[in-house]
Amino acid sequence: MDEKTLLEVSKKLNVLIALSLKHLLGDKEFVNNEKRKQGVGELVRYLNNMGLDAKDISQITSAPLQSVRTLLTPKRRK
């Protein structure tokens, strides 16, 4: 494997480890001091902030790719 592939795999594993730790600690919030939104929006934004792209987020959350992209547009973030 080349260095770029290893970096991508490492990034994804770090996110999965972080999500597992959040689950084990019982932490259900993905944002701080913001009004809670329904659906997978918070998780999508959290994973995006961790460096994952829309395709990977779609696979992790089982949400349609187009929905993930819509959630990540600047207008939908606020």
C-alpha atoms as a PDB file:
ATOM      1  CA  MET A   1       0.000   0.000   0.000  1.00  0.00           C
ATOM      2  CA  ASP A   2       1.176   3.503  -0.694  1.00  0.00           C
ATOM      3  CA  GLU A   3       1.317   6.308   1.868  1.00  0.00           C
ATOM      4  CA  LYS A   4      -1.859   8.021   0.627  1.00  0.00           C
ATOM      5  CA  THR A   5      -3.899   4.820   1.025  1.00  0.00           C
ATOM      6  CA  LEU A   6      -2.494   4.227   4.499  1.00  0.00           C
ATOM      7  CA  LEU A   7      -3.396   7.787   5.498  1.00  0.00           C
ATOM      8  CA  GLU A   8      -6.993   7.326   4.300  1.00  0.00           C
ATOM      9  CA  VAL A   9      -7.369   4.010   6.141  1.00  0.00           C
ATOM     10  CA  SER A  10      -5.878   5.515   9.276  1.00  0.00           C
ATOM     11  CA  LYS A  11      -8.263   8.471   9.125  1.00  0.00           C
ATOM     12  CA  LYS A  12     -11.285   6.177   8.842  1.00  0.00           C
ATOM     13  CA  LEU A  13     -10.100   3.929  11.666  1.00  0.00           C
ATOM     14  CA  ASN A  14      -9.573   6.957  13.927  1.00  0.00           C
ATOM     15  CA  VAL A  15     -13.154   8.070  13.336  1.00  0.00           C
ATOM     16  CA  LEU A  16     -14.513   4.599  14.061  1.00  0.00           C
ATOM     17  CA  ILE A  17     -12.466   4.424  17.266  1.00  0.00           C
ATOM     18  CA  ALA A  18     -13.763   7.844  18.327  1.00  0.00           C
ATOM     19  CA  LEU A  19     -17.359   6.788  17.667  1.00  0.00           C
ATOM     20  CA  SER A  20     -16.851   3.575  19.614  1.00  0.00           C
ATOM     21  CA  LEU A  21     -15.442   5.486  22.579  1.00  0.00           C
ATOM     22  CA  LYS A  22     -18.344   7.951  22.487  1.00  0.00           C
ATOM     23  CA  HIS A  23     -20.753   5.014  22.526  1.00  0.00           C
ATOM     24  CA  LEU A  24     -18.962   3.261  25.395  1.00  0.00           C
ATOM     25  CA  LEU A  25     -18.989   6.460  27.436  1.00  0.00           C
ATOM     26  CA  GLY A  26     -22.684   6.998  26.716  1.00  0.00           C
ATOM     27  CA  ASP A  27     -22.051  10.332  24.997  1.00  0.00           C
ATOM     28  CA  LYS A  28     -24.895  10.811  22.525  1.00  0.00           C
ATOM     29  CA  GLU A  29     -24.140  14.406  21.519  1.00  0.00           C
ATOM     30  CA  PHE A  30     -21.989  15.221  18.513  1.00  0.00           C
ATOM     31  CA  VAL A  31     -22.061  18.997  18.926  1.00  0.00           C
ATOM     32  CA  ASN A  32     -21.502  21.305  21.859  1.00  0.00           C
ATOM     33  CA  ASN A  33     -23.962  23.949  23.058  1.00  0.00           C
ATOM     34  CA  GLU A  34     -26.108  23.832  19.932  1.00  0.00           C
ATOM     35  CA  LYS A  35     -29.755  22.981  19.525  1.00  0.00           C
ATOM     36  CA  ARG A  36     -30.174  19.266  18.838  1.00  0.00           C
ATOM     37  CA  LYS A  37     -31.304  18.388  15.307  1.00  0.00           C
ATOM     38  CA  GLN A  38     -33.133  15.229  14.340  1.00  0.00           C
ATOM     39  CA  GLY A  39     -31.928  12.600  11.921  1.00  0.00           C
ATOM     40  CA  VAL A  40     -28.348  11.870  10.972  1.00  0.00           C
ATOM     41  CA  GLY A  41     -27.368  15.496  10.348  1.00  0.00           C
ATOM     42  CA  GLU A  42     -25.245  15.853  13.458  1.00  0.00           C
ATOM     43  CA  LEU A  43     -23.460  12.580  12.828  1.00  0.00           C
ATOM     44  CA  VAL A  44     -22.851  13.537   9.182  1.00  0.00           C
ATOM     45  CA  ARG A  45     -21.328  16.867  10.203  1.00  0.00           C
ATOM     46  CA  TYR A  46     -19.286  15.198  12.962  1.00  0.00           C
ATOM     47  CA  LEU A  47     -17.834  12.638  10.554  1.00  0.00           C
ATOM     48  CA  ASN A  48     -17.142  15.368   8.006  1.00  0.00           C
ATOM     49  CA  ASN A  49     -15.280  17.386  10.634  1.00  0.00           C
ATOM     50  CA  MET A  50     -13.221  14.273  11.368  1.00  0.00           C
ATOM     51  CA  GLY A  51     -12.042  14.341   7.739  1.00  0.00           C
ATOM     52  CA  LEU A  52     -14.241  11.766   6.004  1.00  0.00           C
ATOM     53  CA  ASP A  53     -15.687  12.490   2.600  1.00  0.00           C
ATOM     54  CA  ALA A  54     -19.378  12.283   1.674  1.00  0.00           C
ATOM     55  CA  LYS A  55     -19.098   8.812   0.105  1.00  0.00           C
ATOM     56  CA  ASP A  56     -17.587   7.271   3.237  1.00  0.00           C
ATOM     57  CA  ILE A  57     -20.088   9.046   5.479  1.00  0.00           C
ATOM     58  CA  SER A  58     -22.906   7.704   3.332  1.00  0.00           C
ATOM     59  CA  GLN A  59     -21.647   4.155   3.777  1.00  0.00           C
ATOM     60  CA  ILE A  60     -21.191   4.511   7.549  1.00  0.00           C
ATOM     61  CA  THR A  61     -24.610   6.098   8.180  1.00  0.00           C
ATOM     62  CA  SER A  62     -26.507   4.112   5.507  1.00  0.00           C
ATOM     63  CA  ALA A  63     -27.872   7.417   4.227  1.00  0.00           C
ATOM     64  CA  PRO A  64     -28.147   8.167   0.504  1.00  0.00           C
ATOM     65  CA  LEU A  65     -25.071   9.918  -0.869  1.00  0.00           C
ATOM     66  CA  GLN A  66     -27.129  12.827  -2.210  1.00  0.00           C
ATOM     67  CA  SER A  67     -28.679  13.374   1.244  1.00  0.00           C
ATOM     68  CA  VAL A  68     -25.251  13.459   2.853  1.00  0.00           C
ATOM     69  CA  ARG A  69     -24.031  15.987   0.286  1.00  0.00           C
ATOM     70  CA  THR A  70     -27.120  18.117   0.902  1.00  0.00           C
ATOM     71  CA  LEU A  71     -26.521  18.058   4.651  1.00  0.00           C
ATOM     72  CA  LEU A  72     -22.939  19.198   4.103  1.00  0.00           C
ATOM     73  CA  THR A  73     -23.791  22.231   1.972  1.00  0.00           C
ATOM     74  CA  PRO A  74     -23.053  25.529   3.757  1.00  0.00           C
ATOM     75  CA  LYS A  75     -26.723  26.622   3.885  1.00  0.00           C
ATOM     76  CA  ARG A  76     -27.778  23.380   5.625  1.00  0.00           C
ATOM     77  CA  ARG A  77     -25.027  23.591   8.232  1.00  0.00           C
ATOM     78  CA  LYS A  78     -26.603  26.501  10.090  1.00  0.00           C
END
